[in-house]
Amino acid sequence: MDIKCIAGFAAITKQPDASASLYQETLGLPLKRQDDYRFMDKFPGANHFGVWPLKMAAQSCVGQDEWPSHVPEPTATIEFELADTAAVESAVEEMKAKGQDFIHEARTEHWGQTVARFISPEGLLVGLSYAPWLHEHGA
């Protein structure tokens, strides 16, 4: 597996307004808003930072508004960027062979990112990712 960079980091929250207020108003980060998701791309030192409501994370991971009770509830997500979709699929197989369980294997989200996700021992929602826009010329 050849990780290229951290594709993104987002706090996962049950209180998106309070969390967004901290990052946007108190810390002064220029977060954009798309529905309930607040984010900024091309953040110096990272490609993406966001405040992701738990119900949106649950929708993305398991297709429902409630986080499943049998999976530890994450408070943050980190995504590791790989070279392409095939690399994500290969990384999943490599990790499964080493015993890693996944919430979901490689699939393409409606925003165009291919990602597979699992929960780390410390409770982070970890993604193995290919975001095409991070690989465009000049990105």
N, C-alpha and C. Protein backbone atom coordinates (compact mmCIF):
# COMPACT_ATOMS: atom_id res chain seq x y z
N MET A 1 0.86 -1.17 0.00
CA MET A 1 0.00 0.00 0.00
C MET A 1 0.90 1.23 0.00
N ASP A 2 0.56 2.19 -0.85
CA ASP A 2 1.37 3.40 -0.99
C ASP A 2 0.49 4.61 -0.72
N ILE A 3 0.46 5.06 0.54
CA ILE A 3 -0.35 6.22 0.92
C ILE A 3 0.33 7.48 0.42
N LYS A 4 -0.44 8.32 -0.27
CA LYS A 4 0.09 9.54 -0.88
C LYS A 4 0.06 10.72 0.08
N CYS A 5 -1.00 10.83 0.88
CA CYS A 5 -1.16 11.96 1.79
C CYS A 5 -2.39 11.72 2.65
N ILE A 6 -2.63 12.61 3.56
CA ILE A 6 -3.91 12.61 4.28
C ILE A 6 -4.88 13.37 3.39
N ALA A 7 -5.90 12.69 2.92
CA ALA A 7 -6.88 13.30 2.03
C ALA A 7 -7.78 14.27 2.78
N GLY A 8 -8.07 13.96 4.04
CA GLY A 8 -8.93 14.86 4.80
C GLY A 8 -9.07 14.42 6.24
N PHE A 9 -9.51 15.34 7.04
CA PHE A 9 -9.80 15.10 8.46
C PHE A 9 -11.09 15.84 8.77
N ALA A 10 -11.96 15.24 9.53
CA ALA A 10 -13.19 15.92 9.94
C ALA A 10 -13.57 15.48 11.34
N ALA A 11 -13.99 16.43 12.15
CA ALA A 11 -14.60 16.11 13.44
C ALA A 11 -15.99 15.56 13.13
N ILE A 12 -16.39 14.50 13.83
CA ILE A 12 -17.74 13.96 13.70
C ILE A 12 -18.49 14.35 14.95
N THR A 13 -19.66 14.94 14.80
CA THR A 13 -20.34 15.55 15.93
C THR A 13 -21.84 15.30 15.94
N LYS A 14 -22.38 15.21 17.15
CA LYS A 14 -23.83 15.17 17.32
C LYS A 14 -24.39 16.59 17.44
N GLN A 15 -23.50 17.58 17.59
CA GLN A 15 -23.90 18.99 17.74
C GLN A 15 -23.19 19.81 16.65
N PRO A 16 -23.62 19.67 15.39
CA PRO A 16 -22.90 20.32 14.31
C PRO A 16 -22.85 21.84 14.42
N ASP A 17 -23.90 22.48 14.93
CA ASP A 17 -23.86 23.94 15.04
C ASP A 17 -22.82 24.40 16.06
N ALA A 18 -22.76 23.72 17.20
CA ALA A 18 -21.79 24.09 18.23
C ALA A 18 -20.36 23.84 17.74
N SER A 19 -20.15 22.69 17.09
CA SER A 19 -18.81 22.38 16.59
C SER A 19 -18.41 23.34 15.48
N ALA A 20 -19.32 23.61 14.55
CA ALA A 20 -19.01 24.55 13.47
C ALA A 20 -18.71 25.94 14.04
N SER A 21 -19.43 26.33 15.08
CA SER A 21 -19.20 27.63 15.71
C SER A 21 -17.77 27.71 16.26
N LEU A 22 -17.31 26.65 16.91
CA LEU A 22 -15.95 26.63 17.44
C LEU A 22 -14.94 26.86 16.32
N TYR A 23 -15.04 26.05 15.27
CA TYR A 23 -14.04 26.11 14.21
C TYR A 23 -14.19 27.36 13.34
N GLN A 24 -15.43 27.76 13.07
CA GLN A 24 -15.66 28.88 12.15
C GLN A 24 -15.60 30.23 12.86
N GLU A 25 -16.32 30.36 13.94
CA GLU A 25 -16.41 31.66 14.61
C GLU A 25 -15.28 31.88 15.61
N THR A 26 -15.02 30.89 16.46
CA THR A 26 -13.99 31.07 17.49
C THR A 26 -12.59 31.00 16.90
N LEU A 27 -12.32 29.98 16.07
CA LEU A 27 -10.99 29.84 15.48
C LEU A 27 -10.83 30.63 14.18
N GLY A 28 -11.93 31.05 13.59
CA GLY A 28 -11.88 31.88 12.39
C GLY A 28 -11.58 31.15 11.10
N LEU A 29 -11.83 29.83 11.05
CA LEU A 29 -11.59 29.09 9.82
C LEU A 29 -12.69 29.43 8.80
N PRO A 30 -12.33 29.64 7.55
CA PRO A 30 -13.32 30.03 6.53
C PRO A 30 -14.08 28.82 5.98
N LEU A 31 -14.91 28.23 6.82
CA LEU A 31 -15.64 27.04 6.40
C LEU A 31 -16.79 27.40 5.46
N LYS A 32 -16.93 26.60 4.42
CA LYS A 32 -18.08 26.69 3.52
C LYS A 32 -19.17 25.79 4.08
N ARG A 33 -20.38 25.97 3.60
CA ARG A 33 -21.49 25.14 4.07
C ARG A 33 -22.15 24.46 2.88
N GLN A 34 -22.36 23.15 3.02
CA GLN A 34 -23.12 22.38 2.04
C GLN A 34 -24.07 21.52 2.85
N ASP A 35 -25.34 21.88 2.85
CA ASP A 35 -26.33 21.28 3.74
C ASP A 35 -25.85 21.49 5.17
N ASP A 36 -25.75 20.44 5.97
CA ASP A 36 -25.27 20.58 7.35
C ASP A 36 -23.76 20.40 7.47
N TYR A 37 -23.10 20.08 6.38
CA TYR A 37 -21.66 19.83 6.40
C TYR A 37 -20.90 21.14 6.22
N ARG A 38 -19.95 21.40 7.10
CA ARG A 38 -19.07 22.58 7.00
C ARG A 38 -17.68 22.06 6.65
N PHE A 39 -16.99 22.77 5.76
CA PHE A 39 -15.69 22.27 5.32
C PHE A 39 -14.87 23.36 4.68
N MET A 40 -13.60 23.05 4.49
CA MET A 40 -12.72 23.87 3.68
C MET A 40 -11.73 22.93 2.99
N ASP A 41 -11.49 23.17 1.72
CA ASP A 41 -10.52 22.39 0.96
C ASP A 41 -9.23 23.19 0.83
N LYS A 42 -8.17 22.49 0.47
CA LYS A 42 -6.86 23.11 0.28
C LYS A 42 -6.39 23.85 1.53
N PHE A 43 -6.75 23.31 2.69
CA PHE A 43 -6.33 23.87 3.97
C PHE A 43 -4.81 23.68 4.09
N PRO A 44 -4.04 24.72 4.36
CA PRO A 44 -2.58 24.56 4.44
C PRO A 44 -2.20 23.44 5.41
N GLY A 45 -1.41 22.50 4.91
CA GLY A 45 -0.99 21.37 5.73
C GLY A 45 -1.93 20.18 5.64
N ALA A 46 -3.07 20.36 4.98
CA ALA A 46 -4.04 19.27 4.79
C ALA A 46 -4.80 19.56 3.51
N ASN A 47 -5.43 18.56 2.98
CA ASN A 47 -6.22 18.77 1.78
C ASN A 47 -7.65 19.17 2.10
N HIS A 48 -8.16 18.74 3.25
CA HIS A 48 -9.57 18.98 3.57
C HIS A 48 -9.75 18.92 5.08
N PHE A 49 -10.57 19.80 5.61
CA PHE A 49 -10.99 19.77 7.01
C PHE A 49 -12.49 19.98 7.03
N GLY A 50 -13.19 19.24 7.88
CA GLY A 50 -14.64 19.39 7.92
C GLY A 50 -15.21 19.13 9.29
N VAL A 51 -16.46 19.51 9.45
CA VAL A 51 -17.28 19.20 10.63
C VAL A 51 -18.45 18.38 10.08
N TRP A 52 -18.44 17.09 10.34
CA TRP A 52 -19.36 16.14 9.73
C TRP A 52 -20.38 15.69 10.75
N PRO A 53 -21.66 16.03 10.60
CA PRO A 53 -22.67 15.54 11.53
C PRO A 53 -22.69 14.01 11.56
N LEU A 54 -22.83 13.44 12.75
CA LEU A 54 -22.83 11.99 12.92
C LEU A 54 -23.87 11.33 12.02
N LYS A 55 -25.04 11.95 11.88
CA LYS A 55 -26.07 11.30 11.05
C LYS A 55 -25.66 11.28 9.58
N MET A 56 -24.88 12.27 9.12
CA MET A 56 -24.38 12.24 7.74
C MET A 56 -23.31 11.15 7.59
N ALA A 57 -22.46 10.99 8.61
CA ALA A 57 -21.46 9.92 8.58
C ALA A 57 -22.16 8.56 8.55
N ALA A 58 -23.20 8.42 9.35
CA ALA A 58 -23.96 7.16 9.38
C ALA A 58 -24.59 6.89 8.01
N GLN A 59 -25.16 7.93 7.39
CA GLN A 59 -25.75 7.75 6.06
C GLN A 59 -24.69 7.28 5.07
N SER A 60 -23.52 7.90 5.11
CA SER A 60 -22.47 7.56 4.17
C SER A 60 -21.93 6.15 4.40
N CYS A 61 -21.82 5.77 5.67
CA CYS A 61 -21.22 4.46 5.99
C CYS A 61 -22.21 3.30 5.92
N VAL A 62 -23.42 3.51 6.47
CA VAL A 62 -24.35 2.38 6.59
C VAL A 62 -25.73 2.65 6.01
N GLY A 63 -25.93 3.83 5.42
CA GLY A 63 -27.19 4.10 4.73
C GLY A 63 -28.38 4.37 5.62
N GLN A 64 -28.13 4.86 6.84
CA GLN A 64 -29.21 5.22 7.76
C GLN A 64 -28.78 6.40 8.60
N ASP A 65 -29.75 7.10 9.23
CA ASP A 65 -29.44 8.30 10.00
C ASP A 65 -28.81 8.01 11.36
N GLU A 66 -29.02 6.82 11.90
CA GLU A 66 -28.48 6.46 13.21
C GLU A 66 -27.22 5.62 13.04
N TRP A 67 -26.21 5.95 13.86
CA TRP A 67 -24.99 5.14 13.86
C TRP A 67 -25.33 3.79 14.46
N PRO A 68 -24.88 2.68 13.86
CA PRO A 68 -25.23 1.35 14.38
C PRO A 68 -24.65 1.12 15.78
N SER A 69 -25.45 0.58 16.66
CA SER A 69 -25.05 0.41 18.06
C SER A 69 -23.92 -0.60 18.23
N HIS A 70 -23.74 -1.51 17.29
CA HIS A 70 -22.69 -2.54 17.41
C HIS A 70 -21.32 -2.05 16.92
N VAL A 71 -21.25 -0.81 16.41
CA VAL A 71 -19.99 -0.24 15.93
C VAL A 71 -19.65 0.95 16.82
N PRO A 72 -18.42 1.03 17.35
CA PRO A 72 -18.06 2.19 18.18
C PRO A 72 -18.35 3.50 17.46
N GLU A 73 -18.93 4.44 18.17
CA GLU A 73 -19.31 5.73 17.58
C GLU A 73 -18.07 6.61 17.44
N PRO A 74 -17.74 7.01 16.22
CA PRO A 74 -16.52 7.81 16.02
C PRO A 74 -16.73 9.27 16.39
N THR A 75 -15.63 9.92 16.75
CA THR A 75 -15.68 11.36 17.01
C THR A 75 -14.83 12.13 16.00
N ALA A 76 -14.17 11.40 15.10
CA ALA A 76 -13.38 12.03 14.05
C ALA A 76 -13.17 11.03 12.93
N THR A 77 -12.83 11.55 11.78
CA THR A 77 -12.49 10.70 10.65
C THR A 77 -11.19 11.21 10.03
N ILE A 78 -10.39 10.28 9.58
CA ILE A 78 -9.18 10.61 8.84
C ILE A 78 -9.17 9.72 7.61
N GLU A 79 -8.80 10.30 6.49
CA GLU A 79 -8.78 9.53 5.24
C GLU A 79 -7.38 9.59 4.65
N PHE A 80 -6.88 8.42 4.27
CA PHE A 80 -5.57 8.30 3.67
C PHE A 80 -5.73 8.13 2.17
N GLU A 81 -5.09 9.01 1.41
CA GLU A 81 -5.25 9.05 -0.04
C GLU A 81 -4.32 8.05 -0.73
N LEU A 82 -4.89 7.30 -1.66
CA LEU A 82 -4.14 6.34 -2.45
C LEU A 82 -4.13 6.79 -3.91
N ALA A 83 -3.39 6.09 -4.75
CA ALA A 83 -3.14 6.53 -6.12
C ALA A 83 -4.37 6.49 -7.03
N ASP A 84 -5.25 5.51 -6.82
CA ASP A 84 -6.41 5.37 -7.70
C ASP A 84 -7.40 4.39 -7.06
N THR A 85 -8.51 4.16 -7.75
CA THR A 85 -9.55 3.26 -7.24
C THR A 85 -9.01 1.85 -7.04
N ALA A 86 -8.23 1.37 -7.98
CA ALA A 86 -7.66 0.01 -7.86
C ALA A 86 -6.77 -0.10 -6.62
N ALA A 87 -6.05 0.96 -6.30
CA ALA A 87 -5.19 0.94 -5.10
C ALA A 87 -6.03 0.85 -3.84
N VAL A 88 -7.19 1.51 -3.81
CA VAL A 88 -8.10 1.41 -2.66
C VAL A 88 -8.58 -0.03 -2.52
N GLU A 89 -9.03 -0.61 -3.63
CA GLU A 89 -9.51 -2.00 -3.59
C GLU A 89 -8.42 -2.96 -3.16
N SER A 90 -7.20 -2.76 -3.65
CA SER A 90 -6.07 -3.60 -3.28
C SER A 90 -5.73 -3.46 -1.79
N ALA A 91 -5.77 -2.21 -1.30
CA ALA A 91 -5.48 -1.97 0.12
C ALA A 91 -6.49 -2.66 1.02
N VAL A 92 -7.76 -2.65 0.61
CA VAL A 92 -8.80 -3.34 1.38
C VAL A 92 -8.48 -4.83 1.46
N GLU A 93 -8.15 -5.42 0.34
CA GLU A 93 -7.84 -6.86 0.33
C GLU A 93 -6.61 -7.15 1.18
N GLU A 94 -5.60 -6.29 1.09
CA GLU A 94 -4.38 -6.45 1.89
C GLU A 94 -4.70 -6.40 3.38
N MET A 95 -5.51 -5.44 3.79
CA MET A 95 -5.85 -5.29 5.20
C MET A 95 -6.78 -6.40 5.69
N LYS A 96 -7.72 -6.82 4.85
CA LYS A 96 -8.60 -7.94 5.22
C LYS A 96 -7.78 -9.21 5.44
N ALA A 97 -6.75 -9.42 4.62
CA ALA A 97 -5.89 -10.59 4.77
C ALA A 97 -5.15 -10.56 6.10
N LYS A 98 -4.98 -9.35 6.66
CA LYS A 98 -4.33 -9.19 7.96
C LYS A 98 -5.35 -9.13 9.10
N GLY A 99 -6.63 -9.37 8.78
CA GLY A 99 -7.65 -9.45 9.82
C GLY A 99 -8.47 -8.19 10.07
N GLN A 100 -8.30 -7.15 9.27
CA GLN A 100 -9.04 -5.91 9.49
C GLN A 100 -10.50 -6.06 9.01
N ASP A 101 -11.43 -5.65 9.87
CA ASP A 101 -12.84 -5.60 9.51
C ASP A 101 -13.17 -4.21 8.98
N PHE A 102 -14.06 -4.13 8.01
CA PHE A 102 -14.47 -2.87 7.42
C PHE A 102 -15.94 -2.60 7.67
N ILE A 103 -16.28 -1.33 7.89
CA ILE A 103 -17.69 -0.92 7.94
C ILE A 103 -18.27 -1.09 6.54
N HIS A 104 -17.50 -0.65 5.54
CA HIS A 104 -17.84 -0.93 4.15
C HIS A 104 -16.56 -0.95 3.35
N GLU A 105 -16.57 -1.79 2.32
CA GLU A 105 -15.41 -1.89 1.44
C GLU A 105 -15.47 -0.79 0.39
N ALA A 106 -14.53 -0.79 -0.53
CA ALA A 106 -14.40 0.28 -1.53
C ALA A 106 -15.71 0.48 -2.30
N ARG A 107 -16.15 1.73 -2.31
CA ARG A 107 -17.30 2.13 -3.12
C ARG A 107 -17.16 3.61 -3.44
N THR A 108 -17.86 4.04 -4.47
CA THR A 108 -17.77 5.43 -4.88
C THR A 108 -18.96 6.20 -4.33
N GLU A 109 -18.66 7.25 -3.57
CA GLU A 109 -19.70 8.11 -2.98
C GLU A 109 -20.28 9.01 -4.07
N HIS A 110 -21.45 9.59 -3.80
CA HIS A 110 -22.12 10.42 -4.81
C HIS A 110 -21.31 11.66 -5.16
N TRP A 111 -20.34 12.05 -4.34
CA TRP A 111 -19.51 13.21 -4.65
C TRP A 111 -18.25 12.82 -5.44
N GLY A 112 -18.12 11.52 -5.78
CA GLY A 112 -17.05 11.08 -6.67
C GLY A 112 -15.84 10.44 -6.02
N GLN A 113 -15.79 10.40 -4.71
CA GLN A 113 -14.66 9.81 -3.98
C GLN A 113 -14.88 8.32 -3.81
N THR A 114 -13.86 7.53 -4.10
CA THR A 114 -13.89 6.10 -3.80
C THR A 114 -13.28 5.93 -2.42
N VAL A 115 -13.98 5.23 -1.53
CA VAL A 115 -13.50 5.12 -0.15
C VAL A 115 -13.98 3.80 0.47
N ALA A 116 -13.14 3.25 1.32
CA ALA A 116 -13.48 2.10 2.18
C ALA A 116 -13.21 2.57 3.61
N ARG A 117 -14.08 2.19 4.56
CA ARG A 117 -13.94 2.72 5.92
C ARG A 117 -13.97 1.61 6.98
N PHE A 118 -13.20 1.87 8.05
CA PHE A 118 -13.17 0.99 9.22
C PHE A 118 -12.96 1.84 10.46
N ILE A 119 -13.18 1.25 11.63
CA ILE A 119 -12.96 1.93 12.90
C ILE A 119 -11.61 1.48 13.45
N SER A 120 -10.76 2.45 13.82
CA SER A 120 -9.45 2.14 14.40
C SER A 120 -9.61 1.74 15.86
N PRO A 121 -8.57 1.15 16.46
CA PRO A 121 -8.66 0.76 17.87
C PRO A 121 -8.99 1.93 18.80
N GLU A 122 -8.58 3.17 18.44
CA GLU A 122 -8.87 4.31 19.30
C GLU A 122 -10.20 4.99 18.95
N GLY A 123 -10.95 4.42 17.99
CA GLY A 123 -12.28 4.93 17.69
C GLY A 123 -12.37 5.94 16.56
N LEU A 124 -11.31 6.09 15.77
CA LEU A 124 -11.39 6.96 14.60
C LEU A 124 -12.06 6.21 13.45
N LEU A 125 -12.86 6.92 12.67
CA LEU A 125 -13.38 6.39 11.43
C LEU A 125 -12.29 6.62 10.38
N VAL A 126 -11.67 5.55 9.91
CA VAL A 126 -10.54 5.64 9.00
C VAL A 126 -11.00 5.28 7.60
N GLY A 127 -10.62 6.13 6.63
CA GLY A 127 -10.94 5.87 5.25
C GLY A 127 -9.69 5.65 4.43
N LEU A 128 -9.77 4.69 3.52
CA LEU A 128 -8.77 4.52 2.47
C LEU A 128 -9.44 5.09 1.24
N SER A 129 -8.82 6.10 0.64
CA SER A 129 -9.54 6.98 -0.28
C SER A 129 -8.84 7.20 -1.60
N TYR A 130 -9.66 7.46 -2.62
CA TYR A 130 -9.18 8.04 -3.87
C TYR A 130 -10.16 9.15 -4.23
N ALA A 131 -9.70 10.39 -4.10
CA ALA A 131 -10.49 11.57 -4.46
C ALA A 131 -9.89 12.13 -5.75
N PRO A 132 -10.55 11.95 -6.90
CA PRO A 132 -9.96 12.35 -8.17
C PRO A 132 -9.48 13.79 -8.22
N TRP A 133 -10.17 14.70 -7.56
CA TRP A 133 -9.80 16.12 -7.61
C TRP A 133 -8.46 16.40 -6.94
N LEU A 134 -8.00 15.49 -6.08
CA LEU A 134 -6.68 15.68 -5.46
C LEU A 134 -5.55 15.29 -6.42
N HIS A 135 -5.91 14.67 -7.53
CA HIS A 135 -4.91 14.19 -8.48
C HIS A 135 -4.93 14.98 -9.79
N GLU A 136 -5.80 15.97 -9.88
CA GLU A 136 -5.87 16.78 -11.09
C GLU A 136 -4.62 17.64 -11.20
N HIS A 137 -4.28 18.01 -12.40
CA HIS A 137 -3.10 18.83 -12.65
C HIS A 137 -3.16 20.10 -11.80
N GLY A 138 -2.10 20.35 -11.07
CA GLY A 138 -2.02 21.55 -10.24
C GLY A 138 -2.65 21.39 -8.86
N ALA A 139 -3.23 20.22 -8.57
CA ALA A 139 -3.86 20.04 -7.25
C ALA A 139 -2.82 19.80 -6.18
